[in-house]
Amino acid sequence: MTSITDPQAFGRVAVLMGGQAAEREVSLRSGAAVYAALKRKGVDAIAVDVTGSPIDTLAGLEVDRVFNIIHGRGGEDGVLQAVLEVLGIPYTGSGVLASALSMDKLRTKLCWQGYGLITPLWYLLKNEQDLDECIEKLGFPVIVKPAQEGSSIGMSKAHNREELAQALKLASNYKCDVYAEAWVTGKEYTVAVLNGQALPVIRLETPNAFYDYEAKYQATTTQYHCPCGLAQDQEQQLQDLAVVASEAVGVIGWARVDVFLNEAGQYQLIEINTVPGMTDHSLVPMAAKQAGISFDDLVWHVLETSFDRN
């Protein structure tokens, strides 16, 4: 990893935030926090709210690199990465292929399966004609997800056929593949990976039906356990799994891997985020703090990844 000590070495940095996806508001909060941290570290940073085409946004800017903090489609799915590649502007995080793969939860699961990694069973729901076969294959409960949304947007738990139909209708609003995933009973963990090294594991606990948007960004009842409560060897096993899961889809720079530990003691991979949240409720800063890395230093380290693309 490139280690930078002089803020001037970064040149002028555009913090790209906002975007047009469902996670826009979260991205604006993450971006404001990242921008403030860079300014405190003496970096020549500008905050840029991307409200339309990233090509138009970048056309008039003279910047040396980009800190990408646009969550969701348009920022996390390879589109922005491709634009930056063509323009020759270095940027943080993963490249085009890894970003596109990781944004699509279904294709991520297929890659993990091909790599021999375990992920919960699922069933692709194209329309209501698929419901009965889905029920036969997965049973209940299940969780229904739009394959290309983040922050648990469009997700819902279904306990019966009627709820499954309603969940399909909700998820279909997001104009991407929809799938049902077998419900995993157990404990939920998340692992931040920074430059190929896993940070301390966080265990999530919420009284909600699942770790949904409200639990992530609004609730005061969500509990974050860090240390996570696992034995040292178990935590190391989970950290190693997160690193392998990241490498399997080509992730570089930084990411966050979500995992369940089921009642049989088996880890099951859920998804990977290549532009994780950086708000006051976010998990990567929490894990970094446990590792002795301040928020400002975390932002600095992520920005350093823009030098390591090749």
Protein backbone atom coordinates (compact mmCIF):
# COMPACT_ATOMS: atom_id res chain seq x y z
CA MET A 1 0.00 0.00 0.00
CA THR A 2 1.16 3.50 -0.84
CA SER A 3 1.78 5.54 2.31
CA ILE A 4 1.35 9.30 1.95
CA THR A 5 2.58 11.71 4.62
CA ASP A 6 2.18 15.06 2.84
CA PRO A 7 -1.40 16.18 2.07
CA GLN A 8 -0.11 18.07 -0.98
CA ALA A 9 0.83 14.71 -2.54
CA PHE A 10 -2.86 14.05 -3.16
CA GLY A 11 -3.23 17.20 -5.23
CA ARG A 12 -6.75 18.54 -5.60
CA VAL A 13 -9.34 15.99 -4.51
CA ALA A 14 -12.99 15.95 -5.58
CA VAL A 15 -15.25 14.26 -3.04
CA LEU A 16 -18.06 12.95 -5.25
CA MET A 17 -21.32 12.46 -3.35
CA GLY A 18 -25.07 12.40 -3.85
CA GLY A 19 -25.93 10.77 -7.15
CA GLN A 20 -29.43 9.91 -8.30
CA ALA A 21 -29.95 6.51 -6.68
CA ALA A 22 -32.20 5.64 -3.74
CA GLU A 23 -29.25 6.10 -1.36
CA ARG A 24 -28.68 9.74 -2.33
CA GLU A 25 -29.39 11.21 1.12
CA VAL A 26 -27.09 8.73 2.85
CA SER A 27 -24.36 9.52 0.32
CA LEU A 28 -24.66 13.25 0.98
CA ARG A 29 -24.17 12.62 4.70
CA SER A 30 -21.20 10.32 4.06
CA GLY A 31 -19.72 12.85 1.65
CA ALA A 32 -20.04 15.75 4.07
CA ALA A 33 -18.21 13.73 6.74
CA VAL A 34 -15.44 12.67 4.34
CA TYR A 35 -14.99 16.20 3.00
CA ALA A 36 -14.74 17.65 6.51
CA ALA A 37 -12.16 15.01 7.49
CA LEU A 38 -9.99 15.73 4.45
CA LYS A 39 -10.08 19.46 5.17
CA ARG A 40 -9.04 18.81 8.75
CA LYS A 41 -6.10 16.77 7.43
CA GLY A 42 -4.99 19.66 5.22
CA VAL A 43 -6.03 18.10 1.91
CA ASP A 44 -7.09 20.43 -0.92
CA ALA A 45 -10.57 18.94 -1.24
CA ILE A 46 -13.76 20.13 -2.91
CA ALA A 47 -17.23 18.74 -2.26
CA VAL A 48 -19.14 17.86 -5.43
CA ASP A 49 -22.82 16.90 -5.42
CA VAL A 50 -23.43 14.80 -8.52
CA THR A 51 -27.02 15.44 -9.57
CA GLY A 52 -26.88 14.35 -13.21
CA SER A 53 -24.36 12.84 -15.59
CA PRO A 54 -20.94 12.30 -13.95
CA ILE A 55 -19.39 13.18 -17.32
CA ASP A 56 -20.99 16.63 -17.22
CA THR A 57 -20.07 17.04 -13.55
CA LEU A 58 -16.40 16.22 -14.12
CA ALA A 59 -16.03 18.11 -17.39
CA GLY A 60 -15.41 21.48 -15.79
CA LEU A 61 -13.37 20.28 -12.83
CA GLU A 62 -9.62 20.36 -12.60
CA VAL A 63 -8.82 17.68 -10.04
CA ASP A 64 -6.01 15.22 -9.49
CA ARG A 65 -8.09 12.42 -7.98
CA VAL A 66 -11.56 11.49 -6.75
CA PHE A 67 -12.78 10.22 -3.40
CA ASN A 68 -15.91 8.36 -4.48
CA ILE A 69 -18.56 8.23 -1.78
CA ILE A 70 -21.63 7.84 -4.02
CA HIS A 71 -23.58 4.85 -2.71
CA GLY A 72 -25.72 2.68 -4.96
CA ARG A 73 -26.32 2.67 -8.67
CA GLY A 74 -24.41 5.25 -10.66
CA GLY A 75 -21.62 5.45 -8.11
CA GLU A 76 -21.01 1.96 -6.77
CA ASP A 77 -21.85 -0.15 -9.83
CA GLY A 78 -18.97 0.50 -12.22
CA VAL A 79 -20.58 3.37 -14.14
CA LEU A 80 -18.68 6.17 -12.40
CA GLN A 81 -15.54 4.03 -12.29
CA ALA A 82 -15.68 3.62 -16.07
CA VAL A 83 -16.05 7.37 -16.58
CA LEU A 84 -13.06 8.04 -14.33
CA GLU A 85 -11.00 5.40 -16.14
CA VAL A 86 -11.72 7.02 -19.51
CA LEU A 87 -10.90 10.48 -18.14
CA GLY A 88 -7.71 9.17 -16.56
CA ILE A 89 -8.62 10.40 -13.07
CA PRO A 90 -7.41 8.20 -10.17
CA TYR A 91 -10.14 7.24 -7.70
CA THR A 92 -10.70 5.39 -4.46
CA GLY A 93 -11.96 1.85 -4.16
CA SER A 94 -12.65 -0.93 -6.61
CA GLY A 95 -12.54 -0.84 -10.40
CA VAL A 96 -15.23 -1.29 -13.02
CA LEU A 97 -15.63 -5.08 -12.90
CA ALA A 98 -15.56 -5.53 -9.12
CA SER A 99 -17.91 -2.58 -8.61
CA ALA A 100 -20.43 -3.90 -11.13
CA LEU A 101 -20.30 -7.44 -9.75
CA SER A 102 -20.55 -6.42 -6.11
CA MET A 103 -23.47 -4.07 -6.73
CA ASP A 104 -25.43 -7.01 -8.14
CA LYS A 105 -26.12 -9.26 -5.16
CA LEU A 106 -27.22 -12.16 -7.36
CA ARG A 107 -24.06 -12.19 -9.46
CA THR A 108 -21.98 -11.80 -6.33
CA LYS A 109 -23.61 -14.93 -4.91
CA LEU A 110 -22.88 -16.84 -8.13
CA CYS A 111 -19.22 -15.78 -7.99
CA TRP A 112 -18.95 -16.82 -4.35
CA GLN A 113 -20.53 -20.19 -5.11
CA GLY A 114 -18.07 -20.72 -7.95
CA TYR A 115 -15.29 -19.93 -5.49
CA GLY A 116 -16.60 -22.54 -3.05
CA LEU A 117 -17.93 -20.01 -0.55
CA ILE A 118 -21.27 -20.45 1.23
CA THR A 119 -24.19 -18.09 0.73
CA PRO A 120 -27.87 -18.66 1.59
CA LEU A 121 -30.12 -20.40 -0.95
CA TRP A 122 -32.14 -18.08 -3.14
CA TYR A 123 -34.78 -18.06 -5.87
CA LEU A 124 -35.11 -15.55 -8.71
CA LEU A 125 -38.60 -14.03 -8.82
CA LYS A 126 -39.52 -12.80 -12.28
CA ASN A 127 -43.26 -12.58 -11.65
CA GLU A 128 -46.05 -14.00 -9.48
CA GLN A 129 -45.95 -17.28 -11.43
CA ASP A 130 -42.65 -17.99 -9.66
CA LEU A 131 -44.07 -17.76 -6.14
CA ASP A 132 -45.19 -21.37 -5.69
CA GLU A 133 -41.90 -22.86 -6.88
CA CYS A 134 -40.02 -20.39 -4.66
CA ILE A 135 -42.09 -21.50 -1.66
CA GLU A 136 -41.44 -25.15 -2.51
CA LYS A 137 -37.69 -24.56 -2.74
CA LEU A 138 -37.10 -22.15 0.17
CA GLY A 139 -40.09 -22.46 2.48
CA PHE A 140 -40.73 -19.61 4.95
CA PRO A 141 -39.65 -17.20 6.17
CA VAL A 142 -37.67 -15.60 3.35
CA ILE A 143 -36.27 -12.15 2.72
CA VAL A 144 -37.00 -10.54 -0.65
CA LYS A 145 -34.44 -8.19 -2.16
CA PRO A 146 -33.93 -6.02 -5.22
CA ALA A 147 -30.57 -7.28 -6.49
CA GLN A 148 -29.05 -3.86 -7.17
CA GLU A 149 -30.04 -1.69 -4.22
CA GLY A 150 -28.17 -1.00 -0.99
CA SER A 151 -29.01 0.19 2.53
CA SER A 152 -31.72 -2.52 2.69
CA ILE A 153 -33.89 -0.38 0.40
CA GLY A 154 -36.82 -2.33 -1.08
CA MET A 155 -36.23 -5.36 1.15
CA SER A 156 -38.91 -7.13 3.19
CA LYS A 157 -39.44 -10.34 5.13
CA ALA A 158 -42.21 -12.71 4.09
CA HIS A 159 -43.86 -15.39 6.25
CA ASN A 160 -46.55 -16.58 3.81
CA ARG A 161 -47.58 -16.45 0.15
CA GLU A 162 -49.50 -13.19 0.49
CA GLU A 163 -46.53 -11.42 2.09
CA LEU A 164 -44.23 -12.90 -0.55
CA ALA A 165 -46.41 -11.43 -3.31
CA GLN A 166 -46.39 -8.04 -1.58
CA ALA A 167 -42.62 -8.19 -1.13
CA LEU A 168 -42.14 -8.98 -4.82
CA LYS A 169 -44.32 -6.02 -5.77
CA LEU A 170 -42.32 -3.67 -3.52
CA ALA A 171 -38.92 -4.86 -4.71
CA SER A 172 -40.00 -4.71 -8.36
CA ASN A 173 -40.28 -0.92 -8.07
CA TYR A 174 -36.48 -0.70 -8.20
CA LYS A 175 -36.15 -1.87 -11.83
CA CYS A 176 -33.70 -4.72 -11.35
CA ASP A 177 -33.74 -8.46 -10.66
CA VAL A 178 -35.66 -9.49 -7.56
CA TYR A 179 -34.91 -12.61 -5.55
CA ALA A 180 -36.04 -14.34 -2.40
CA GLU A 181 -33.35 -15.57 -0.04
CA ALA A 182 -33.72 -18.24 2.62
CA TRP A 183 -33.96 -16.69 6.05
CA VAL A 184 -30.89 -17.34 8.19
CA THR A 185 -31.54 -17.72 11.92
CA GLY A 186 -28.43 -16.75 13.80
CA LYS A 187 -26.17 -13.79 14.48
CA GLU A 188 -25.34 -11.05 11.99
CA TYR A 189 -21.83 -9.69 11.55
CA THR A 190 -20.10 -7.19 9.31
CA VAL A 191 -16.40 -7.04 8.47
CA ALA A 192 -14.63 -4.01 7.02
CA VAL A 193 -11.67 -4.74 4.76
CA LEU A 194 -9.06 -2.02 4.19
CA ASN A 195 -6.26 -2.72 1.71
CA GLY A 196 -6.63 -6.46 2.04
CA GLN A 197 -6.67 -6.42 5.85
CA ALA A 198 -9.81 -7.09 7.86
CA LEU A 199 -10.69 -4.68 10.67
CA PRO A 200 -12.31 -5.84 13.94
CA VAL A 201 -15.65 -7.61 13.43
CA ILE A 202 -18.92 -5.95 14.47
CA ARG A 203 -22.00 -7.90 15.58
CA LEU A 204 -25.31 -6.23 14.76
CA GLU A 205 -28.42 -6.52 16.88
CA THR A 206 -31.79 -4.94 16.14
CA PRO A 207 -35.32 -5.44 17.50
CA ASN A 208 -36.60 -4.83 13.94
CA ALA A 209 -37.52 -7.77 11.71
CA PHE A 210 -34.09 -7.34 10.11
CA TYR A 211 -31.32 -4.75 9.81
CA ASP A 212 -33.39 -2.48 7.58
CA TYR A 213 -33.00 1.17 6.51
CA GLU A 214 -34.59 2.46 9.69
CA ALA A 215 -32.34 0.28 11.87
CA LYS A 216 -29.28 1.46 9.93
CA TYR A 217 -29.83 5.20 9.85
CA GLN A 218 -32.62 6.29 12.20
CA ALA A 219 -33.17 3.92 15.12
CA THR A 220 -31.66 4.34 18.56
CA THR A 221 -32.44 0.70 19.40
CA THR A 222 -29.83 -0.88 17.10
CA GLN A 223 -26.89 -2.29 19.03
CA TYR A 224 -23.36 -2.58 17.65
CA HIS A 225 -21.05 -4.97 19.47
CA CYS A 226 -17.36 -4.34 18.87
CA PRO A 227 -15.61 -6.40 20.21
CA CYS A 228 -18.11 -8.76 18.60
CA GLY A 229 -18.06 -11.46 21.30
CA LEU A 230 -16.56 -14.24 19.17
CA ALA A 231 -13.59 -16.22 20.41
CA GLN A 232 -10.33 -14.99 18.94
CA ASP A 233 -9.97 -17.94 16.55
CA GLN A 234 -13.58 -17.57 15.38
CA GLU A 235 -13.14 -13.86 14.73
CA GLN A 236 -9.93 -14.54 12.80
CA GLN A 237 -11.77 -17.15 10.73
CA LEU A 238 -14.49 -14.63 9.92
CA GLN A 239 -11.94 -11.94 9.06
CA ASP A 240 -10.12 -14.35 6.74
CA LEU A 241 -13.44 -15.24 5.08
CA ALA A 242 -14.21 -11.55 4.46
CA VAL A 243 -10.83 -11.04 2.79
CA VAL A 244 -11.31 -14.10 0.56
CA ALA A 245 -14.87 -13.03 -0.29
CA SER A 246 -13.55 -9.61 -1.33
CA GLU A 247 -10.76 -11.07 -3.44
CA ALA A 248 -13.17 -13.48 -5.15
CA VAL A 249 -15.01 -10.60 -6.82
CA GLY A 250 -11.90 -8.50 -7.43
CA VAL A 251 -12.46 -5.87 -4.73
CA ILE A 252 -9.53 -3.57 -3.95
CA GLY A 253 -9.04 -0.61 -1.63
CA TRP A 254 -11.85 -0.94 0.86
CA ALA A 255 -15.16 -2.73 1.33
CA ARG A 256 -17.54 -4.13 3.91
CA VAL A 257 -18.70 -7.75 3.92
CA ASP A 258 -21.96 -8.79 5.61
CA VAL A 259 -22.14 -12.32 7.04
CA PHE A 260 -24.49 -14.45 9.14
CA LEU A 261 -23.40 -17.17 11.55
CA ASN A 262 -26.26 -19.68 11.58
CA GLU A 263 -27.35 -21.86 14.48
CA ALA A 264 -25.25 -24.74 13.13
CA GLY A 265 -22.10 -22.60 13.44
CA GLN A 266 -21.72 -22.05 9.69
CA TYR A 267 -20.80 -18.66 8.20
CA GLN A 268 -23.03 -17.57 5.30
CA LEU A 269 -22.05 -14.62 3.10
CA ILE A 270 -24.81 -12.13 2.38
CA GLU A 271 -23.35 -9.26 0.35
CA ILE A 272 -20.38 -6.95 -0.13
CA ASN A 273 -20.38 -3.15 -0.26
CA THR A 274 -17.61 -1.42 -2.23
CA VAL A 275 -18.55 2.13 -1.19
CA PRO A 276 -19.58 1.66 2.45
CA GLY A 277 -21.31 4.35 4.47
CA MET A 278 -19.28 6.97 6.31
CA THR A 279 -22.05 8.57 8.38
CA ASP A 280 -22.24 8.81 12.18
CA HIS A 281 -24.19 5.51 12.14
CA SER A 282 -21.79 3.76 9.77
CA LEU A 283 -19.94 0.54 10.48
CA VAL A 284 -16.52 0.94 8.84
CA PRO A 285 -15.61 3.97 11.03
CA MET A 286 -16.78 2.01 14.06
CA ALA A 287 -14.53 -0.95 13.21
CA ALA A 288 -11.62 1.39 12.45
CA LYS A 289 -12.04 3.08 15.84
CA GLN A 290 -11.81 -0.32 17.55
CA ALA A 291 -8.55 -0.88 15.65
CA GLY A 292 -7.21 2.46 16.90
CA ILE A 293 -7.78 4.33 13.62
CA SER A 294 -9.53 7.70 13.93
CA PHE A 295 -12.18 8.74 11.42
CA ASP A 296 -9.86 11.30 9.85
CA ASP A 297 -7.06 8.74 9.51
CA LEU A 298 -9.50 6.22 8.02
CA VAL A 299 -10.52 8.73 5.35
CA TRP A 300 -6.83 9.43 4.66
CA HIS A 301 -6.09 5.69 4.27
CA VAL A 302 -9.01 5.24 1.87
CA LEU A 303 -7.79 8.19 -0.20
CA GLU A 304 -4.35 6.53 -0.33
CA THR A 305 -5.97 3.62 -2.20
CA SER A 306 -6.35 5.90 -5.22
CA PHE A 307 -2.60 5.46 -5.77
CA ASP A 308 -2.75 1.66 -5.78
CA ARG A 309 -4.96 0.93 -8.77
CA ASN A 310 -2.26 -0.91 -10.69
